[in-house]
Amino acid sequence: MILVDFSGTLAKHREVVRTLFSEVELTFFKERGFKGSEEELRSAFREANRNMRTMESKQGDFTIEVGKQLGIDITKEDSLTKEKEFDTKYAETIEVVDGAVEGLRKLLDTDELVLLTNGACRRVIPAVERLGLEGFFKQIICLGGTGQNKSQGELFEKMKKLGAWAIIGDNPRKDGMAENHGITFVDVRVGWGTAVKLVKGLREERVRFKA
């Protein structure tokens, strides 16, 4: 089993989020009384993420938590409306990383592929479908809202037992945590073409070792 990250690995996540943060998030909170800078709002988002990273949560809870960091009361209805707007625009504007489609196609004869992302399914799956990537994966595992994330190494222990031996990702701190549990991290920042060659090389080594 080969694990594949989504944000930054398959999709140009940061570019879209940067734009939508200004268009959706900053606008939303300013309409509700926030008078600070965009960076101050980002700081509140980071603190909310730290508080909720290991907690189970439902859609809308994160926005309410950000409001608490800012001293602003946010209703559940408003938080749901805003988050759904963000998710819809995200799926509509996300773009695939150069070389990713061809890379996935070449990997299909190597082993089964499983998408493993810290994102929430409500955002990731519509984006995956719009990009035409869903057919490459045996399974899509979204950790957002589950209280689990890739920074918690024990998740990779479970994936190892299920047969995972490599992960393609762009974040050594998160995706690279797999190395501590016997799953080789392949950094896609070298380019999808090179990443595919590295994974296939790992596969050949595994075959020779078993022989």
C-alpha atoms as a PDB file:
ATOM      1  CA  MET A   1       0.000   0.000   0.000  1.00  0.00           C
ATOM      2  CA  ILE A   2       1.291   3.448  -0.986  1.00  0.00           C
ATOM      3  CA  LEU A   3      -0.075   6.394   1.000  1.00  0.00           C
ATOM      4  CA  VAL A   4      -0.509   9.708  -0.806  1.00  0.00           C
ATOM      5  CA  ASP A   5      -1.016  13.097   0.818  1.00  0.00           C
ATOM      6  CA  PHE A   6      -3.472  15.605  -0.672  1.00  0.00           C
ATOM      7  CA  SER A   7      -2.637  19.218   0.216  1.00  0.00           C
ATOM      8  CA  GLY A   8       0.522  20.342  -1.541  1.00  0.00           C
ATOM      9  CA  THR A   9       1.130  16.859  -2.936  1.00  0.00           C
ATOM     10  CA  LEU A  10      -1.825  16.389  -5.277  1.00  0.00           C
ATOM     11  CA  ALA A  11      -3.468  19.803  -5.050  1.00  0.00           C
ATOM     12  CA  LYS A  12      -2.191  23.382  -4.930  1.00  0.00           C
ATOM     13  CA  HIS A  13      -3.765  23.854  -1.526  1.00  0.00           C
ATOM     14  CA  ARG A  14      -1.784  26.777  -0.141  1.00  0.00           C
ATOM     15  CA  GLU A  15      -2.463  29.019  -3.109  1.00  0.00           C
ATOM     16  CA  VAL A  16      -6.223  28.532  -2.846  1.00  0.00           C
ATOM     17  CA  VAL A  17      -6.376  28.828   0.934  1.00  0.00           C
ATOM     18  CA  ARG A  18      -4.324  32.023   0.859  1.00  0.00           C
ATOM     19  CA  THR A  19      -6.846  33.652  -1.493  1.00  0.00           C
ATOM     20  CA  LEU A  20      -9.945  32.319   0.255  1.00  0.00           C
ATOM     21  CA  PHE A  21      -8.630  33.336   3.662  1.00  0.00           C
ATOM     22  CA  SER A  22      -8.786  36.959   2.569  1.00  0.00           C
ATOM     23  CA  GLU A  23     -12.002  36.666   0.583  1.00  0.00           C
ATOM     24  CA  VAL A  24     -14.035  34.506   2.968  1.00  0.00           C
ATOM     25  CA  GLU A  25     -12.497  34.295   6.453  1.00  0.00           C
ATOM     26  CA  LEU A  26     -11.328  37.882   6.903  1.00  0.00           C
ATOM     27  CA  THR A  27     -14.553  39.253   5.449  1.00  0.00           C
ATOM     28  CA  PHE A  28     -16.658  37.018   7.712  1.00  0.00           C
ATOM     29  CA  PHE A  29     -14.954  38.078  10.935  1.00  0.00           C
ATOM     30  CA  LYS A  30     -14.754  41.763  10.029  1.00  0.00           C
ATOM     31  CA  GLU A  31     -18.505  41.734   9.429  1.00  0.00           C
ATOM     32  CA  ARG A  32     -18.840  40.493  13.001  1.00  0.00           C
ATOM     33  CA  GLY A  33     -16.675  43.155  14.592  1.00  0.00           C
ATOM     34  CA  PHE A  34     -13.083  41.987  14.163  1.00  0.00           C
ATOM     35  CA  LYS A  35     -10.855  45.041  13.690  1.00  0.00           C
ATOM     36  CA  GLY A  36      -7.435  43.451  13.616  1.00  0.00           C
ATOM     37  CA  SER A  37      -5.089  42.554  10.778  1.00  0.00           C
ATOM     38  CA  GLU A  38      -5.116  39.482   8.583  1.00  0.00           C
ATOM     39  CA  GLU A  39      -2.030  38.193  10.409  1.00  0.00           C
ATOM     40  CA  GLU A  40      -3.794  38.576  13.774  1.00  0.00           C
ATOM     41  CA  LEU A  41      -6.669  36.521  12.399  1.00  0.00           C
ATOM     42  CA  ARG A  42      -4.242  33.881  11.168  1.00  0.00           C
ATOM     43  CA  SER A  43      -2.778  33.746  14.652  1.00  0.00           C
ATOM     44  CA  ALA A  44      -6.239  33.064  16.081  1.00  0.00           C
ATOM     45  CA  PHE A  45      -6.687  30.293  13.506  1.00  0.00           C
ATOM     46  CA  ARG A  46      -3.397  28.714  14.517  1.00  0.00           C
ATOM     47  CA  GLU A  47      -4.355  28.790  18.195  1.00  0.00           C
ATOM     48  CA  ALA A  48      -7.769  27.285  17.447  1.00  0.00           C
ATOM     49  CA  ASN A  49      -6.085  24.551  15.441  1.00  0.00           C
ATOM     50  CA  ARG A  50      -3.732  23.743  18.325  1.00  0.00           C
ATOM     51  CA  ASN A  51      -6.691  23.527  20.709  1.00  0.00           C
ATOM     52  CA  MET A  52      -8.780  21.300  18.454  1.00  0.00           C
ATOM     53  CA  ARG A  53      -6.174  19.190  16.684  1.00  0.00           C
ATOM     54  CA  THR A  54      -6.651  16.160  18.927  1.00  0.00           C
ATOM     55  CA  MET A  55     -10.392  16.631  19.516  1.00  0.00           C
ATOM     56  CA  GLU A  56     -13.332  15.226  17.603  1.00  0.00           C
ATOM     57  CA  SER A  57     -15.344  18.053  16.088  1.00  0.00           C
ATOM     58  CA  LYS A  58     -18.264  18.753  13.781  1.00  0.00           C
ATOM     59  CA  GLN A  59     -18.539  21.202  10.927  1.00  0.00           C
ATOM     60  CA  GLY A  60     -18.818  24.737  12.281  1.00  0.00           C
ATOM     61  CA  ASP A  61     -16.990  24.037  15.542  1.00  0.00           C
ATOM     62  CA  PHE A  62     -13.670  25.396  14.282  1.00  0.00           C
ATOM     63  CA  THR A  63     -15.105  28.786  13.311  1.00  0.00           C
ATOM     64  CA  ILE A  64     -16.791  29.069  16.700  1.00  0.00           C
ATOM     65  CA  GLU A  65     -13.439  28.297  18.379  1.00  0.00           C
ATOM     66  CA  VAL A  66     -11.718  31.005  16.334  1.00  0.00           C
ATOM     67  CA  GLY A  67     -14.429  33.398  17.490  1.00  0.00           C
ATOM     68  CA  LYS A  68     -13.625  32.516  21.098  1.00  0.00           C
ATOM     69  CA  GLN A  69      -9.971  33.340  20.486  1.00  0.00           C
ATOM     70  CA  LEU A  70     -11.069  36.759  19.224  1.00  0.00           C
ATOM     71  CA  GLY A  71     -13.732  37.362  21.875  1.00  0.00           C
ATOM     72  CA  ILE A  72     -16.497  37.247  19.257  1.00  0.00           C
ATOM     73  CA  ASP A  73     -19.625  35.122  19.629  1.00  0.00           C
ATOM     74  CA  ILE A  74     -20.327  33.145  16.455  1.00  0.00           C
ATOM     75  CA  THR A  75     -23.605  31.285  16.017  1.00  0.00           C
ATOM     76  CA  LYS A  76     -23.653  27.719  14.780  1.00  0.00           C
ATOM     77  CA  GLU A  77     -25.779  28.762  11.819  1.00  0.00           C
ATOM     78  CA  ASP A  78     -23.317  31.462  10.752  1.00  0.00           C
ATOM     79  CA  SER A  79     -20.319  29.202  11.202  1.00  0.00           C
ATOM     80  CA  LEU A  80     -21.899  26.452   9.079  1.00  0.00           C
ATOM     81  CA  THR A  81     -22.842  28.889   6.328  1.00  0.00           C
ATOM     82  CA  LYS A  82     -19.344  30.341   6.174  1.00  0.00           C
ATOM     83  CA  GLU A  83     -17.557  26.992   6.234  1.00  0.00           C
ATOM     84  CA  LYS A  84     -19.792  25.610   3.490  1.00  0.00           C
ATOM     85  CA  GLU A  85     -19.050  28.688   1.378  1.00  0.00           C
ATOM     86  CA  PHE A  86     -15.327  28.169   1.897  1.00  0.00           C
ATOM     87  CA  ASP A  87     -15.514  24.451   1.048  1.00  0.00           C
ATOM     88  CA  THR A  88     -17.533  25.105  -2.115  1.00  0.00           C
ATOM     89  CA  LYS A  89     -15.136  27.776  -3.383  1.00  0.00           C
ATOM     90  CA  TYR A  90     -12.183  25.568  -2.463  1.00  0.00           C
ATOM     91  CA  ALA A  91     -13.449  22.696  -4.600  1.00  0.00           C
ATOM     92  CA  GLU A  92     -14.306  25.047  -7.454  1.00  0.00           C
ATOM     93  CA  THR A  93     -10.886  26.703  -7.621  1.00  0.00           C
ATOM     94  CA  ILE A  94      -8.372  24.039  -6.540  1.00  0.00           C
ATOM     95  CA  GLU A  95      -5.810  22.978  -9.137  1.00  0.00           C
ATOM     96  CA  VAL A  96      -3.817  19.774  -9.460  1.00  0.00           C
ATOM     97  CA  VAL A  97      -0.057  19.798  -8.852  1.00  0.00           C
ATOM     98  CA  ASP A  98       1.997  19.509 -12.028  1.00  0.00           C
ATOM     99  CA  GLY A  99       2.767  15.890 -12.863  1.00  0.00           C
ATOM    100  CA  ALA A 100       0.455  14.423 -10.213  1.00  0.00           C
ATOM    101  CA  VAL A 101      -2.047  12.751 -12.549  1.00  0.00           C
ATOM    102  CA  GLU A 102       0.626  11.105 -14.662  1.00  0.00           C
ATOM    103  CA  GLY A 103       2.485  10.117 -11.501  1.00  0.00           C
ATOM    104  CA  LEU A 104      -0.556   8.395 -10.018  1.00  0.00           C
ATOM    105  CA  ARG A 105      -1.186   6.623 -13.299  1.00  0.00           C
ATOM    106  CA  LYS A 106       2.349   5.221 -13.313  1.00  0.00           C
ATOM    107  CA  LEU A 107       2.044   4.067  -9.704  1.00  0.00           C
ATOM    108  CA  LEU A 108      -1.088   1.997 -10.260  1.00  0.00           C
ATOM    109  CA  ASP A 109       0.965  -0.994 -11.410  1.00  0.00           C
ATOM    110  CA  THR A 110       3.179  -0.762  -8.319  1.00  0.00           C
ATOM    111  CA  ASP A 111       0.674  -1.186  -5.492  1.00  0.00           C
ATOM    112  CA  GLU A 112      -2.728   0.047  -4.357  1.00  0.00           C
ATOM    113  CA  LEU A 113      -2.966   3.746  -3.514  1.00  0.00           C
ATOM    114  CA  VAL A 114      -4.657   5.216  -0.437  1.00  0.00           C
ATOM    115  CA  LEU A 115      -5.214   8.949  -0.025  1.00  0.00           C
ATOM    116  CA  LEU A 116      -4.361  10.015   3.536  1.00  0.00           C
ATOM    117  CA  THR A 117      -5.042  13.634   4.451  1.00  0.00           C
ATOM    118  CA  ASN A 118      -5.363  15.778   7.557  1.00  0.00           C
ATOM    119  CA  GLY A 119      -8.198  17.582   5.776  1.00  0.00           C
ATOM    120  CA  ALA A 120     -11.905  17.028   6.295  1.00  0.00           C
ATOM    121  CA  CYS A 121     -13.809  14.806   3.866  1.00  0.00           C
ATOM    122  CA  ARG A 122     -16.446  17.475   3.265  1.00  0.00           C
ATOM    123  CA  ARG A 123     -13.730  19.625   1.650  1.00  0.00           C
ATOM    124  CA  VAL A 124     -11.326  17.059   0.253  1.00  0.00           C
ATOM    125  CA  ILE A 125     -13.686  14.654  -1.507  1.00  0.00           C
ATOM    126  CA  PRO A 126     -15.481  17.275  -3.664  1.00  0.00           C
ATOM    127  CA  ALA A 127     -12.052  18.650  -4.602  1.00  0.00           C
ATOM    128  CA  VAL A 128     -10.740  15.179  -5.462  1.00  0.00           C
ATOM    129  CA  GLU A 129     -13.812  14.516  -7.594  1.00  0.00           C
ATOM    130  CA  ARG A 130     -13.551  17.816  -9.460  1.00  0.00           C
ATOM    131  CA  LEU A 131      -9.893  17.133 -10.194  1.00  0.00           C
ATOM    132  CA  GLY A 132     -10.802  13.663 -11.499  1.00  0.00           C
ATOM    133  CA  LEU A 133      -8.544  11.843  -9.040  1.00  0.00           C
ATOM    134  CA  GLU A 134     -10.969   9.590  -7.165  1.00  0.00           C
ATOM    135  CA  GLY A 135     -10.479   6.627  -9.512  1.00  0.00           C
ATOM    136  CA  PHE A 136      -6.834   6.247  -8.536  1.00  0.00           C
ATOM    137  CA  PHE A 137      -7.496   5.412  -4.895  1.00  0.00           C
ATOM    138  CA  LYS A 138      -8.699   2.256  -3.217  1.00  0.00           C
ATOM    139  CA  GLN A 139      -9.628   4.351  -0.192  1.00  0.00           C
ATOM    140  CA  ILE A 140      -9.703   7.993   0.903  1.00  0.00           C
ATOM    141  CA  ILE A 141      -8.934   8.578   4.596  1.00  0.00           C
ATOM    142  CA  CYS A 142      -9.723  12.075   5.895  1.00  0.00           C
ATOM    143  CA  LEU A 143      -8.548  12.850   9.421  1.00  0.00           C
ATOM    144  CA  GLY A 144     -10.117  16.302   9.784  1.00  0.00           C
ATOM    145  CA  GLY A 145     -12.539  16.396  12.703  1.00  0.00           C
ATOM    146  CA  THR A 146     -11.579  12.912  13.946  1.00  0.00           C
ATOM    147  CA  GLY A 147      -9.102  13.992  16.618  1.00  0.00           C
ATOM    148  CA  GLN A 148      -6.326  12.204  14.726  1.00  0.00           C
ATOM    149  CA  ASN A 149      -3.633  13.738  12.539  1.00  0.00           C
ATOM    150  CA  LYS A 150      -0.415  12.715  10.842  1.00  0.00           C
ATOM    151  CA  SER A 151       1.714  14.485  13.434  1.00  0.00           C
ATOM    152  CA  GLN A 152       0.597  11.802  15.885  1.00  0.00           C
ATOM    153  CA  GLY A 153       2.883   8.973  14.871  1.00  0.00           C
ATOM    154  CA  GLU A 154       0.655   6.167  16.146  1.00  0.00           C
ATOM    155  CA  LEU A 155      -1.597   6.624  13.121  1.00  0.00           C
ATOM    156  CA  PHE A 156       1.214   5.330  10.921  1.00  0.00           C
ATOM    157  CA  GLU A 157       1.610   2.284  13.128  1.00  0.00           C
ATOM    158  CA  LYS A 158      -1.954   1.351  12.162  1.00  0.00           C
ATOM    159  CA  MET A 159      -1.272   2.007   8.478  1.00  0.00           C
ATOM    160  CA  LYS A 160       1.877  -0.125   8.626  1.00  0.00           C
ATOM    161  CA  LYS A 161      -0.154  -3.072   9.916  1.00  0.00           C
ATOM    162  CA  LEU A 162      -2.543  -2.601   7.002  1.00  0.00           C
ATOM    163  CA  GLY A 163       0.321  -2.939   4.547  1.00  0.00           C
ATOM    164  CA  ALA A 164       1.584   0.614   3.978  1.00  0.00           C
ATOM    165  CA  TRP A 165       5.285   0.781   3.075  1.00  0.00           C
ATOM    166  CA  ALA A 166       5.660   4.234   1.481  1.00  0.00           C
ATOM    167  CA  ILE A 167       4.057   7.667   1.702  1.00  0.00           C
ATOM    168  CA  ILE A 168       4.323  10.427  -0.890  1.00  0.00           C
ATOM    169  CA  GLY A 169       3.962  13.844   0.707  1.00  0.00           C
ATOM    170  CA  ASP A 170       5.344  17.358   0.898  1.00  0.00           C
ATOM    171  CA  ASN A 171       5.745  17.846   4.645  1.00  0.00           C
ATOM    172  CA  PRO A 172       8.681  16.107   6.365  1.00  0.00           C
ATOM    173  CA  ARG A 173       7.352  17.058   9.810  1.00  0.00           C
ATOM    174  CA  LYS A 174       3.934  15.451   9.267  1.00  0.00           C
ATOM    175  CA  ASP A 175       4.211  12.971   6.412  1.00  0.00           C
ATOM    176  CA  GLY A 176       7.786  12.227   7.438  1.00  0.00           C
ATOM    177  CA  MET A 177       6.538  10.972  10.810  1.00  0.00           C
ATOM    178  CA  ALA A 178       5.834   7.724   8.946  1.00  0.00           C
ATOM    179  CA  GLU A 179       9.577   6.991   8.925  1.00  0.00           C
ATOM    180  CA  ASN A 180       9.422   6.270  12.662  1.00  0.00           C
ATOM    181  CA  HIS A 181       7.036   3.406  11.949  1.00  0.00           C
ATOM    182  CA  GLY A 182       8.715   1.659   9.048  1.00  0.00           C
ATOM    183  CA  ILE A 183       6.992   3.554   6.226  1.00  0.00           C
ATOM    184  CA  THR A 184       9.379   5.360   3.873  1.00  0.00           C
ATOM    185  CA  PHE A 185       8.668   9.038   3.241  1.00  0.00           C
ATOM    186  CA  VAL A 186       9.141  10.188  -0.364  1.00  0.00           C
ATOM    187  CA  ASP A 187       9.241  13.980  -0.638  1.00  0.00           C
ATOM    188  CA  VAL A 188       7.207  15.041  -3.673  1.00  0.00           C
ATOM    189  CA  ARG A 189       8.977  18.391  -3.720  1.00  0.00           C
ATOM    190  CA  VAL A 190      11.654  16.693  -5.827  1.00  0.00           C
ATOM    191  CA  GLY A 191       8.988  16.519  -8.556  1.00  0.00           C
ATOM    192  CA  TRP A 192       6.404  13.867  -9.301  1.00  0.00           C
ATOM    193  CA  GLY A 193       8.565  12.180 -11.941  1.00  0.00           C
ATOM    194  CA  THR A 194      11.434  11.668  -9.521  1.00  0.00           C
ATOM    195  CA  ALA A 195       9.076  10.681  -6.688  1.00  0.00           C
ATOM    196  CA  VAL A 196       7.570   7.908  -8.818  1.00  0.00           C
ATOM    197  CA  LYS A 197      11.040   6.574  -9.672  1.00  0.00           C
ATOM    198  CA  LEU A 198      11.964   6.555  -5.983  1.00  0.00           C
ATOM    199  CA  VAL A 199       8.817   4.660  -5.014  1.00  0.00           C
ATOM    200  CA  LYS A 200       9.293   2.107  -7.785  1.00  0.00           C
ATOM    201  CA  GLY A 201      12.874   1.655  -6.622  1.00  0.00           C
ATOM    202  CA  LEU A 202      11.644   0.980  -3.103  1.00  0.00           C
ATOM    203  CA  ARG A 203       9.230  -1.593  -4.491  1.00  0.00           C
ATOM    204  CA  GLU A 204      12.022  -3.393  -6.339  1.00  0.00           C
ATOM    205  CA  GLU A 205      14.087  -3.500  -3.153  1.00  0.00           C
ATOM    206  CA  ARG A 206      11.154  -5.029  -1.271  1.00  0.00           C
ATOM    207  CA  VAL A 207      10.732  -7.690  -3.939  1.00  0.00           C
ATOM    208  CA  ARG A 208      14.440  -8.575  -3.893  1.00  0.00           C
ATOM    209  CA  PHE A 209      14.445  -8.677  -0.079  1.00  0.00           C
ATOM    210  CA  LYS A 210      11.510 -11.100  -0.018  1.00  0.00           C
ATOM    211  CA  ALA A 211      13.165 -13.253  -2.645  1.00  0.00           C
END
